[in-house]
Amino acid sequence: MLFIKTTDQASGKEIKLRYQEYGSGKPVVFIHGWPLNGDMYEYQLEPLSREGLRCIAYDRRGFGHSSRVGESYHYDAFADDLHAVLTELDLHDATLVGFSMGGGEIARYIGKYGEDRVSAAILISAVTPYMLETDGHDGVNWKIFQGMIDGLRKDRPHFLASWAKNFYGVGLLNHPVSDEFLSWTLGMALLGSSRATIDCVTAFGKTDFRQDLKKFTVPTLIIHGEDDKIVPAEVGGDATHEVLPNAIYHKYDNAPHGLFYTHRERLNRDILSFVMTKASVDRNIPVR
């Protein structure tokens, strides 16, 4: 396994971030969703690396094979880790691809560190701009997030197994993934520490990325599933596009949250087309 070493700014402890890399060419860094790890991008890393892209995916702290670090499971720390990946691998003109809570990583990274190493951003099923329902802001009621936390504390394997079905849009009449694929997803989820898995619910549920998004000037592609039951499109993709009105927005018909697999061929085409064309244009994405 390959690891990047960095330091947790709160505790001073060393952190090892496991990463994988395929291909050569223009760098594309994939940031995974909750509660999975970099392996979720199997169906992007291999095929896209054959198209002239240097594809890199890493495990967020507390997940997969990366270090478990006490209480530092918040977006400032996650942005620090992304910064470590970019600097330790000496990446420039990178395209950042963030799925679900990984979209928040990109937003906070740009908000905190700027865009010197970044040429483009792709937000897939992302939790941006702000998931929580508050006075004057439509979002998801905190009771939903609290129910997730309660379910994880009571029986994490059972909760995550049930969650995976909603993740991919599995129902009585709809089976877009195999039982074995659901088991693979559960296996990835259970590799994460219980502390990280629980604390990240609060992180993506309560973090407001609206000011971070307003610092975007790089070309940005937003992709969201019309039938997303985890991050509803009106809370995620639609609302993000309101903040970044000149970003390209693709809403996939009949797509669930986990469209990185269910709609992988279309997603891969969109990523490749965007990286090869839009990422080289002038940085000019005004915000509202």
C-alpha atoms as a PDB file:
ATOM      1  CA  MET A   1       0.000   0.000   0.000  1.00  0.00           C
ATOM      2  CA  LEU A   2       1.028   3.604  -0.626  1.00  0.00           C
ATOM      3  CA  PHE A   3       0.770   6.179   2.161  1.00  0.00           C
ATOM      4  CA  ILE A   4       1.173   9.923   2.551  1.00  0.00           C
ATOM      5  CA  LYS A   5       2.335  11.098   5.956  1.00  0.00           C
ATOM      6  CA  THR A   6       1.012  14.305   7.476  1.00  0.00           C
ATOM      7  CA  THR A   7       0.280  15.703  10.938  1.00  0.00           C
ATOM      8  CA  ASP A   8      -3.007  16.304  12.708  1.00  0.00           C
ATOM      9  CA  GLN A   9      -2.903  19.993  13.602  1.00  0.00           C
ATOM     10  CA  ALA A  10      -4.999  19.558  16.757  1.00  0.00           C
ATOM     11  CA  SER A  11      -3.081  16.728  18.411  1.00  0.00           C
ATOM     12  CA  GLY A  12       0.284  16.831  16.646  1.00  0.00           C
ATOM     13  CA  LYS A  13      -0.013  13.112  15.907  1.00  0.00           C
ATOM     14  CA  GLU A  14       1.212  11.613  12.662  1.00  0.00           C
ATOM     15  CA  ILE A  15      -1.464  10.624  10.155  1.00  0.00           C
ATOM     16  CA  LYS A  16      -0.997   8.154   7.334  1.00  0.00           C
ATOM     17  CA  LEU A  17      -3.325   8.551   4.364  1.00  0.00           C
ATOM     18  CA  ARG A  18      -3.503   5.494   2.165  1.00  0.00           C
ATOM     19  CA  TYR A  19      -3.750   6.290  -1.541  1.00  0.00           C
ATOM     20  CA  GLN A  20      -3.798   4.516  -4.882  1.00  0.00           C
ATOM     21  CA  GLU A  21      -2.692   5.798  -8.245  1.00  0.00           C
ATOM     22  CA  TYR A  22      -3.334   4.713 -11.825  1.00  0.00           C
ATOM     23  CA  GLY A  23      -2.048   6.006 -15.142  1.00  0.00           C
ATOM     24  CA  SER A  24      -0.188   9.148 -16.142  1.00  0.00           C
ATOM     25  CA  GLY A  25      -1.108  12.503 -17.590  1.00  0.00           C
ATOM     26  CA  LYS A  26      -3.348  15.219 -16.205  1.00  0.00           C
ATOM     27  CA  PRO A  27      -3.892  14.596 -12.453  1.00  0.00           C
ATOM     28  CA  VAL A  28      -7.382  13.895 -11.183  1.00  0.00           C
ATOM     29  CA  VAL A  29      -7.842  13.449  -7.435  1.00  0.00           C
ATOM     30  CA  PHE A  30     -10.925  11.526  -6.273  1.00  0.00           C
ATOM     31  CA  ILE A  31     -12.323  12.204  -2.767  1.00  0.00           C
ATOM     32  CA  HIS A  32     -14.705   9.514  -1.572  1.00  0.00           C
ATOM     33  CA  GLY A  33     -18.109   9.652   0.078  1.00  0.00           C
ATOM     34  CA  TRP A  34     -19.336   8.638   3.517  1.00  0.00           C
ATOM     35  CA  PRO A  35     -18.835   6.014   4.885  1.00  0.00           C
ATOM     36  CA  LEU A  36     -16.754   4.374   2.144  1.00  0.00           C
ATOM     37  CA  ASN A  37     -13.132   4.769   1.050  1.00  0.00           C
ATOM     38  CA  GLY A  38     -11.107   5.320  -2.102  1.00  0.00           C
ATOM     39  CA  ASP A  39     -11.932   1.827  -3.377  1.00  0.00           C
ATOM     40  CA  MET A  40     -15.445   3.056  -4.255  1.00  0.00           C
ATOM     41  CA  TYR A  41     -13.899   4.623  -7.378  1.00  0.00           C
ATOM     42  CA  GLU A  42     -12.848   1.265  -8.847  1.00  0.00           C
ATOM     43  CA  TYR A  43     -15.113   1.845 -11.840  1.00  0.00           C
ATOM     44  CA  GLN A  44     -13.579   5.272 -12.510  1.00  0.00           C
ATOM     45  CA  LEU A  45      -9.884   4.801 -11.700  1.00  0.00           C
ATOM     46  CA  GLU A  46      -9.160   1.914 -14.040  1.00  0.00           C
ATOM     47  CA  PRO A  47     -11.059   3.009 -17.165  1.00  0.00           C
ATOM     48  CA  LEU A  48     -10.221   6.727 -16.904  1.00  0.00           C
ATOM     49  CA  SER A  49      -6.530   5.989 -16.380  1.00  0.00           C
ATOM     50  CA  ARG A  50      -6.573   4.313 -19.790  1.00  0.00           C
ATOM     51  CA  GLU A  51      -7.767   7.586 -21.328  1.00  0.00           C
ATOM     52  CA  GLY A  52      -4.668   9.618 -20.471  1.00  0.00           C
ATOM     53  CA  LEU A  53      -5.503  10.676 -16.906  1.00  0.00           C
ATOM     54  CA  ARG A  54      -3.413  10.239 -13.771  1.00  0.00           C
ATOM     55  CA  CYS A  55      -6.094   9.029 -11.367  1.00  0.00           C
ATOM     56  CA  ILE A  56      -5.450   9.260  -7.629  1.00  0.00           C
ATOM     57  CA  ALA A  57      -7.805   8.277  -4.806  1.00  0.00           C
ATOM     58  CA  TYR A  58      -7.112   8.329  -1.075  1.00  0.00           C
ATOM     59  CA  ASP A  59      -8.870   7.154   2.070  1.00  0.00           C
ATOM     60  CA  ARG A  60     -10.144   9.911   4.357  1.00  0.00           C
ATOM     61  CA  ARG A  61      -8.706   9.836   7.884  1.00  0.00           C
ATOM     62  CA  GLY A  62     -10.634   7.292   9.936  1.00  0.00           C
ATOM     63  CA  PHE A  63     -11.758   5.326   6.873  1.00  0.00           C
ATOM     64  CA  GLY A  64     -10.344   2.508   4.799  1.00  0.00           C
ATOM     65  CA  HIS A  65      -6.674   1.989   5.595  1.00  0.00           C
ATOM     66  CA  SER A  66      -5.884   5.531   6.735  1.00  0.00           C
ATOM     67  CA  SER A  67      -5.105   6.498  10.336  1.00  0.00           C
ATOM     68  CA  ARG A  68      -7.743   6.832  13.045  1.00  0.00           C
ATOM     69  CA  VAL A  69      -7.182  10.080  14.911  1.00  0.00           C
ATOM     70  CA  GLY A  70      -9.380  10.607  17.934  1.00  0.00           C
ATOM     71  CA  GLU A  71     -11.689  13.569  17.562  1.00  0.00           C
ATOM     72  CA  SER A  72     -10.405  15.387  14.453  1.00  0.00           C
ATOM     73  CA  TYR A  73     -13.252  14.510  12.082  1.00  0.00           C
ATOM     74  CA  HIS A  74     -14.297  17.899  10.731  1.00  0.00           C
ATOM     75  CA  TYR A  75     -13.913  19.710   7.428  1.00  0.00           C
ATOM     76  CA  ASP A  76     -10.986  21.936   8.366  1.00  0.00           C
ATOM     77  CA  ALA A  77      -8.992  18.787   9.169  1.00  0.00           C
ATOM     78  CA  PHE A  78     -10.215  17.062   6.004  1.00  0.00           C
ATOM     79  CA  ALA A  79      -9.097  20.079   3.948  1.00  0.00           C
ATOM     80  CA  ASP A  80      -5.684  19.868   5.611  1.00  0.00           C
ATOM     81  CA  ASP A  81      -5.418  16.229   4.531  1.00  0.00           C
ATOM     82  CA  LEU A  82      -6.361  17.053   0.939  1.00  0.00           C
ATOM     83  CA  HIS A  83      -3.717  19.772   0.997  1.00  0.00           C
ATOM     84  CA  ALA A  84      -1.192  17.176   2.178  1.00  0.00           C
ATOM     85  CA  VAL A  85      -2.106  14.879  -0.721  1.00  0.00           C
ATOM     86  CA  LEU A  86      -1.664  17.646  -3.283  1.00  0.00           C
ATOM     87  CA  THR A  87       1.603  18.931  -1.839  1.00  0.00           C
ATOM     88  CA  GLU A  88       3.248  15.591  -1.033  1.00  0.00           C
ATOM     89  CA  LEU A  89       2.520  14.315  -4.545  1.00  0.00           C
ATOM     90  CA  ASP A  90       3.469  17.767  -5.911  1.00  0.00           C
ATOM     91  CA  LEU A  91       0.308  18.008  -7.993  1.00  0.00           C
ATOM     92  CA  HIS A  92      -0.458  21.065 -10.113  1.00  0.00           C
ATOM     93  CA  ASP A  93      -3.409  21.834 -12.426  1.00  0.00           C
ATOM     94  CA  ALA A  94      -5.312  19.054 -10.724  1.00  0.00           C
ATOM     95  CA  THR A  95      -8.980  18.332 -11.181  1.00  0.00           C
ATOM     96  CA  LEU A  96     -10.653  17.550  -7.846  1.00  0.00           C
ATOM     97  CA  VAL A  97     -13.563  15.098  -7.935  1.00  0.00           C
ATOM     98  CA  GLY A  98     -15.649  14.925  -4.775  1.00  0.00           C
ATOM     99  CA  PHE A  99     -18.532  12.522  -4.223  1.00  0.00           C
ATOM    100  CA  SER A 100     -21.145  13.258  -1.531  1.00  0.00           C
ATOM    101  CA  MET A 101     -19.281  14.474   1.580  1.00  0.00           C
ATOM    102  CA  GLY A 102     -16.161  14.591  -0.610  1.00  0.00           C
ATOM    103  CA  GLY A 103     -17.686  17.574  -2.384  1.00  0.00           C
ATOM    104  CA  GLY A 104     -17.515  19.409   0.917  1.00  0.00           C
ATOM    105  CA  GLU A 105     -13.796  18.612   1.120  1.00  0.00           C
ATOM    106  CA  ILE A 106     -13.238  20.372  -2.186  1.00  0.00           C
ATOM    107  CA  ALA A 107     -15.258  23.401  -1.103  1.00  0.00           C
ATOM    108  CA  ARG A 108     -13.452  23.763   2.225  1.00  0.00           C
ATOM    109  CA  TYR A 109     -10.052  23.139   0.601  1.00  0.00           C
ATOM    110  CA  ILE A 110     -10.582  25.953  -1.909  1.00  0.00           C
ATOM    111  CA  GLY A 111     -12.046  28.168   0.790  1.00  0.00           C
ATOM    112  CA  LYS A 112      -9.004  27.591   3.019  1.00  0.00           C
ATOM    113  CA  TYR A 113      -6.083  27.041   0.633  1.00  0.00           C
ATOM    114  CA  GLY A 114      -7.159  28.622  -2.651  1.00  0.00           C
ATOM    115  CA  GLU A 115      -6.804  27.295  -6.176  1.00  0.00           C
ATOM    116  CA  ASP A 116      -3.068  27.450  -6.954  1.00  0.00           C
ATOM    117  CA  ARG A 117      -2.865  23.688  -7.444  1.00  0.00           C
ATOM    118  CA  VAL A 118      -6.374  23.246  -8.856  1.00  0.00           C
ATOM    119  CA  SER A 119      -7.595  23.705 -12.423  1.00  0.00           C
ATOM    120  CA  ALA A 120     -11.145  22.351 -12.108  1.00  0.00           C
ATOM    121  CA  ALA A 121     -13.672  20.845  -9.693  1.00  0.00           C
ATOM    122  CA  ILE A 122     -16.328  18.156 -10.122  1.00  0.00           C
ATOM    123  CA  LEU A 123     -19.032  17.838  -7.452  1.00  0.00           C
ATOM    124  CA  ILE A 124     -20.954  14.547  -7.639  1.00  0.00           C
ATOM    125  CA  SER A 125     -24.023  13.956  -5.440  1.00  0.00           C
ATOM    126  CA  ALA A 126     -22.373  16.505  -3.169  1.00  0.00           C
ATOM    127  CA  VAL A 127     -23.458  17.760   0.250  1.00  0.00           C
ATOM    128  CA  THR A 128     -22.741  21.349  -0.769  1.00  0.00           C
ATOM    129  CA  PRO A 129     -23.806  24.071  -0.214  1.00  0.00           C
ATOM    130  CA  TYR A 130     -25.443  23.422   3.193  1.00  0.00           C
ATOM    131  CA  MET A 131     -27.528  20.400   4.112  1.00  0.00           C
ATOM    132  CA  LEU A 132     -29.050  21.434   7.426  1.00  0.00           C
ATOM    133  CA  GLU A 133     -32.535  22.926   7.611  1.00  0.00           C
ATOM    134  CA  THR A 134     -32.414  26.196   9.548  1.00  0.00           C
ATOM    135  CA  ASP A 135     -34.574  29.298   9.850  1.00  0.00           C
ATOM    136  CA  GLY A 136     -34.597  30.826   6.394  1.00  0.00           C
ATOM    137  CA  HIS A 137     -32.785  27.900   4.762  1.00  0.00           C
ATOM    138  CA  ASP A 138     -34.470  24.850   3.235  1.00  0.00           C
ATOM    139  CA  GLY A 139     -32.592  21.665   3.962  1.00  0.00           C
ATOM    140  CA  VAL A 140     -32.739  18.371   5.828  1.00  0.00           C
ATOM    141  CA  ASN A 141     -34.168  18.407   9.348  1.00  0.00           C
ATOM    142  CA  TRP A 142     -31.632  17.575  12.046  1.00  0.00           C
ATOM    143  CA  LYS A 143     -33.866  14.736  13.231  1.00  0.00           C
ATOM    144  CA  ILE A 144     -32.813  12.798  10.129  1.00  0.00           C
ATOM    145  CA  PHE A 145     -29.141  13.140  10.986  1.00  0.00           C
ATOM    146  CA  GLN A 146     -29.775  12.324  14.634  1.00  0.00           C
ATOM    147  CA  GLY A 147     -31.622   9.203  13.548  1.00  0.00           C
ATOM    148  CA  MET A 148     -28.554   8.178  11.539  1.00  0.00           C
ATOM    149  CA  ILE A 149     -26.314   8.683  14.568  1.00  0.00           C
ATOM    150  CA  ASP A 150     -28.694   6.731  16.803  1.00  0.00           C
ATOM    151  CA  GLY A 151     -28.861   3.891  14.280  1.00  0.00           C
ATOM    152  CA  LEU A 152     -25.085   3.721  14.003  1.00  0.00           C
ATOM    153  CA  ARG A 153     -24.668   3.616  17.769  1.00  0.00           C
ATOM    154  CA  LYS A 154     -27.293   0.917  18.189  1.00  0.00           C
ATOM    155  CA  ASP A 155     -26.217  -1.490  15.427  1.00  0.00           C
ATOM    156  CA  ARG A 156     -23.736  -0.060  12.928  1.00  0.00           C
ATOM    157  CA  PRO A 157     -23.609  -3.093  10.574  1.00  0.00           C
ATOM    158  CA  HIS A 158     -27.411  -3.320  10.348  1.00  0.00           C
ATOM    159  CA  PHE A 159     -27.833   0.409   9.827  1.00  0.00           C
ATOM    160  CA  LEU A 160     -25.197   0.557   7.098  1.00  0.00           C
ATOM    161  CA  ALA A 161     -26.618  -2.487   5.309  1.00  0.00           C
ATOM    162  CA  SER A 162     -30.055  -0.821   5.159  1.00  0.00           C
ATOM    163  CA  TRP A 163     -28.524   2.510   4.186  1.00  0.00           C
ATOM    164  CA  ALA A 164     -26.714   0.923   1.231  1.00  0.00           C
ATOM    165  CA  LYS A 165     -30.032  -0.027  -0.368  1.00  0.00           C
ATOM    166  CA  ASN A 166     -31.237   3.601  -0.336  1.00  0.00           C
ATOM    167  CA  PHE A 167     -27.778   4.651  -1.517  1.00  0.00           C
ATOM    168  CA  TYR A 168     -28.186   2.718  -4.767  1.00  0.00           C
ATOM    169  CA  GLY A 169     -31.962   3.042  -5.109  1.00  0.00           C
ATOM    170  CA  VAL A 170     -32.732  -0.613  -4.373  1.00  0.00           C
ATOM    171  CA  GLY A 171     -36.451  -1.313  -3.980  1.00  0.00           C
ATOM    172  CA  LEU A 172     -39.014  -4.055  -4.455  1.00  0.00           C
ATOM    173  CA  LEU A 173     -39.077  -3.550  -8.222  1.00  0.00           C
ATOM    174  CA  ASN A 174     -35.680  -1.972  -8.770  1.00  0.00           C
ATOM    175  CA  HIS A 175     -32.355  -3.774  -8.323  1.00  0.00           C
ATOM    176  CA  PRO A 176     -29.630  -1.675  -9.963  1.00  0.00           C
ATOM    177  CA  VAL A 177     -26.849  -3.476  -8.079  1.00  0.00           C
ATOM    178  CA  SER A 178     -26.239  -7.106  -7.153  1.00  0.00           C
ATOM    179  CA  ASP A 179     -26.400  -8.507  -3.640  1.00  0.00           C
ATOM    180  CA  GLU A 180     -22.663  -9.040  -3.891  1.00  0.00           C
ATOM    181  CA  PHE A 181     -22.134  -5.376  -4.720  1.00  0.00           C
ATOM    182  CA  LEU A 182     -24.157  -4.405  -1.647  1.00  0.00           C
ATOM    183  CA  SER A 183     -21.947  -6.704   0.426  1.00  0.00           C
ATOM    184  CA  TRP A 184     -18.834  -5.084  -1.042  1.00  0.00           C
ATOM    185  CA  THR A 185     -20.207  -1.663  -0.136  1.00  0.00           C
ATOM    186  CA  LEU A 186     -20.949  -2.788   3.416  1.00  0.00           C
ATOM    187  CA  GLY A 187     -17.440  -4.168   3.709  1.00  0.00           C
ATOM    188  CA  MET A 188     -15.961  -0.811   2.739  1.00  0.00           C
ATOM    189  CA  ALA A 189     -18.227   0.980   5.192  1.00  0.00           C
ATOM    190  CA  LEU A 190     -17.307  -1.283   8.090  1.00  0.00           C
ATOM    191  CA  LEU A 191     -13.583  -0.634   7.533  1.00  0.00           C
ATOM    192  CA  GLY A 192     -14.196   2.879   8.841  1.00  0.00           C
ATOM    193  CA  SER A 193     -13.865   3.513  12.558  1.00  0.00           C
ATOM    194  CA  SER A 194     -17.117   3.887  14.461  1.00  0.00           C
ATOM    195  CA  ARG A 195     -15.995   7.298  15.770  1.00  0.00           C
ATOM    196  CA  ALA A 196     -15.216   8.640  12.304  1.00  0.00           C
ATOM    197  CA  THR A 197     -18.425   7.228  10.844  1.00  0.00           C
ATOM    198  CA  ILE A 198     -20.566   8.851  13.540  1.00  0.00           C
ATOM    199  CA  ASP A 199     -18.734  12.178  13.748  1.00  0.00           C
ATOM    200  CA  CYS A 200     -18.834  12.648   9.990  1.00  0.00           C
ATOM    201  CA  VAL A 201     -22.636  12.678  10.089  1.00  0.00           C
ATOM    202  CA  THR A 202     -22.411  15.859  12.146  1.00  0.00           C
ATOM    203  CA  ALA A 203     -19.670  17.204   9.884  1.00  0.00           C
ATOM    204  CA  PHE A 204     -21.570  16.916   6.614  1.00  0.00           C
ATOM    205  CA  GLY A 205     -24.906  17.626   8.272  1.00  0.00           C
ATOM    206  CA  LYS A 206     -23.938  20.898   9.926  1.00  0.00           C
ATOM    207  CA  THR A 207     -21.117  22.403   7.850  1.00  0.00           C
ATOM    208  CA  ASP A 208     -22.090  25.451   5.785  1.00  0.00           C
ATOM    209  CA  PHE A 209     -20.052  25.652   2.560  1.00  0.00           C
ATOM    210  CA  ARG A 210     -21.746  28.662   0.998  1.00  0.00           C
ATOM    211  CA  GLN A 211     -18.886  31.057   1.657  1.00  0.00           C
ATOM    212  CA  ASP A 212     -16.343  28.466   0.489  1.00  0.00           C
ATOM    213  CA  LEU A 213     -18.162  28.037  -2.815  1.00  0.00           C
ATOM    214  CA  LYS A 214     -18.063  31.775  -3.409  1.00  0.00           C
ATOM    215  CA  LYS A 215     -14.280  31.497  -3.660  1.00  0.00           C
ATOM    216  CA  PHE A 216     -14.494  29.170  -6.678  1.00  0.00           C
ATOM    217  CA  THR A 217     -13.118  30.608  -9.908  1.00  0.00           C
ATOM    218  CA  VAL A 218     -12.069  27.327 -11.526  1.00  0.00           C
ATOM    219  CA  PRO A 219     -14.373  25.607 -14.039  1.00  0.00           C
ATOM    220  CA  THR A 220     -16.832  23.473 -12.105  1.00  0.00           C
ATOM    221  CA  LEU A 221     -19.050  20.553 -13.081  1.00  0.00           C
ATOM    222  CA  ILE A 222     -22.013  19.606 -10.875  1.00  0.00           C
ATOM    223  CA  ILE A 223     -23.595  16.158 -11.248  1.00  0.00           C
ATOM    224  CA  HIS A 224     -26.569  14.987  -9.209  1.00  0.00           C
ATOM    225  CA  GLY A 225     -29.134  12.227  -9.430  1.00  0.00           C
ATOM    226  CA  GLU A 226     -32.784  13.176  -9.832  1.00  0.00           C
ATOM    227  CA  ASP A 227     -33.810  10.321  -7.510  1.00  0.00           C
ATOM    228  CA  ASP A 228     -31.139  10.860  -4.854  1.00  0.00           C
ATOM    229  CA  LYS A 229     -32.658   9.853  -1.503  1.00  0.00           C
ATOM    230  CA  ILE A 230     -29.487  10.523   0.518  1.00  0.00           C
ATOM    231  CA  VAL A 231     -28.719  14.094  -0.590  1.00  0.00           C
ATOM    232  CA  PRO A 232     -31.881  15.310  -2.364  1.00  0.00           C
ATOM    233  CA  ALA A 233     -31.118  17.194  -5.571  1.00  0.00           C
ATOM    234  CA  GLU A 234     -32.928  20.300  -4.374  1.00  0.00           C
ATOM    235  CA  VAL A 235     -30.654  20.419  -1.311  1.00  0.00           C
ATOM    236  CA  GLY A 236     -27.463  19.429  -3.147  1.00  0.00           C
ATOM    237  CA  GLY A 237     -26.997  19.930  -6.882  1.00  0.00           C
ATOM    238  CA  ASP A 238     -29.805  22.433  -7.422  1.00  0.00           C
ATOM    239  CA  ALA A 239     -28.753  24.610  -4.501  1.00  0.00           C
ATOM    240  CA  THR A 240     -25.064  24.405  -5.418  1.00  0.00           C
ATOM    241  CA  HIS A 241     -25.883  25.544  -8.934  1.00  0.00           C
ATOM    242  CA  GLU A 242     -27.674  28.552  -7.489  1.00  0.00           C
ATOM    243  CA  VAL A 243     -24.438  29.582  -5.788  1.00  0.00           C
ATOM    244  CA  LEU A 244     -22.371  28.735  -8.901  1.00  0.00           C
ATOM    245  CA  PRO A 245     -24.769  29.654 -11.719  1.00  0.00           C
ATOM    246  CA  ASN A 246     -22.106  29.467 -14.443  1.00  0.00           C
ATOM    247  CA  ALA A 247     -21.016  25.971 -13.499  1.00  0.00           C
ATOM    248  CA  ILE A 248     -22.073  23.139 -15.790  1.00  0.00           C
ATOM    249  CA  TYR A 249     -24.896  21.138 -14.204  1.00  0.00           C
ATOM    250  CA  HIS A 250     -25.910  17.644 -15.284  1.00  0.00           C
ATOM    251  CA  LYS A 251     -28.906  16.173 -13.473  1.00  0.00           C
ATOM    252  CA  TYR A 252     -29.199  12.477 -14.252  1.00  0.00           C
ATOM    253  CA  ASP A 253     -32.725  11.168 -14.754  1.00  0.00           C
ATOM    254  CA  ASN A 254     -33.683   8.221 -12.538  1.00  0.00           C
ATOM    255  CA  ALA A 255     -30.282   8.238 -10.840  1.00  0.00           C
ATOM    256  CA  PRO A 256     -29.811   7.471  -7.119  1.00  0.00           C
ATOM    257  CA  HIS A 257     -27.119   8.813  -4.822  1.00  0.00           C
ATOM    258  CA  GLY A 258     -24.641   6.072  -5.740  1.00  0.00           C
ATOM    259  CA  LEU A 259     -24.561   6.965  -9.419  1.00  0.00           C
ATOM    260  CA  PHE A 260     -20.790   6.442  -9.529  1.00  0.00           C
ATOM    261  CA  TYR A 261     -21.729   2.799 -10.148  1.00  0.00           C
ATOM    262  CA  THR A 262     -25.325   2.747 -11.403  1.00  0.00           C
ATOM    263  CA  HIS A 263     -24.558   5.403 -14.052  1.00  0.00           C
ATOM    264  CA  ARG A 264     -20.828   4.793 -14.307  1.00  0.00           C
ATOM    265  CA  GLU A 265     -20.529   4.855 -18.098  1.00  0.00           C
ATOM    266  CA  ARG A 266     -22.251   8.231 -18.417  1.00  0.00           C
ATOM    267  CA  LEU A 267     -20.381   9.603 -15.413  1.00  0.00           C
ATOM    268  CA  ASN A 268     -17.021   8.519 -16.813  1.00  0.00           C
ATOM    269  CA  ARG A 269     -17.786  10.120 -20.160  1.00  0.00           C
ATOM    270  CA  ASP A 270     -18.773  13.363 -18.443  1.00  0.00           C
ATOM    271  CA  ILE A 271     -15.655  13.399 -16.263  1.00  0.00           C
ATOM    272  CA  LEU A 272     -13.347  12.679 -19.190  1.00  0.00           C
ATOM    273  CA  SER A 273     -14.975  15.261 -21.451  1.00  0.00           C
ATOM    274  CA  PHE A 274     -14.865  17.929 -18.764  1.00  0.00           C
ATOM    275  CA  VAL A 275     -11.262  17.280 -17.739  1.00  0.00           C
ATOM    276  CA  MET A 276     -10.021  17.252 -21.299  1.00  0.00           C
ATOM    277  CA  THR A 277     -11.879  20.385 -22.419  1.00  0.00           C
ATOM    278  CA  LYS A 278     -13.386  22.640 -19.747  1.00  0.00           C
ATOM    279  CA  ALA A 279     -10.474  22.358 -17.337  1.00  0.00           C
ATOM    280  CA  SER A 280      -8.220  24.207 -19.752  1.00  0.00           C
ATOM    281  CA  VAL A 281     -10.424  27.279 -20.287  1.00  0.00           C
ATOM    282  CA  ASP A 282     -10.048  30.561 -18.440  1.00  0.00           C
ATOM    283  CA  ARG A 283     -10.943  30.518 -14.774  1.00  0.00           C
ATOM    284  CA  ASN A 284     -14.079  32.598 -14.715  1.00  0.00           C
ATOM    285  CA  ILE A 285     -17.023  31.250 -12.722  1.00  0.00           C
ATOM    286  CA  PRO A 286     -18.867  34.180 -11.137  1.00  0.00           C
ATOM    287  CA  VAL A 287     -21.010  33.494  -8.109  1.00  0.00           C
ATOM    288  CA  ARG A 288     -24.143  35.011  -6.689  1.00  0.00           C
END
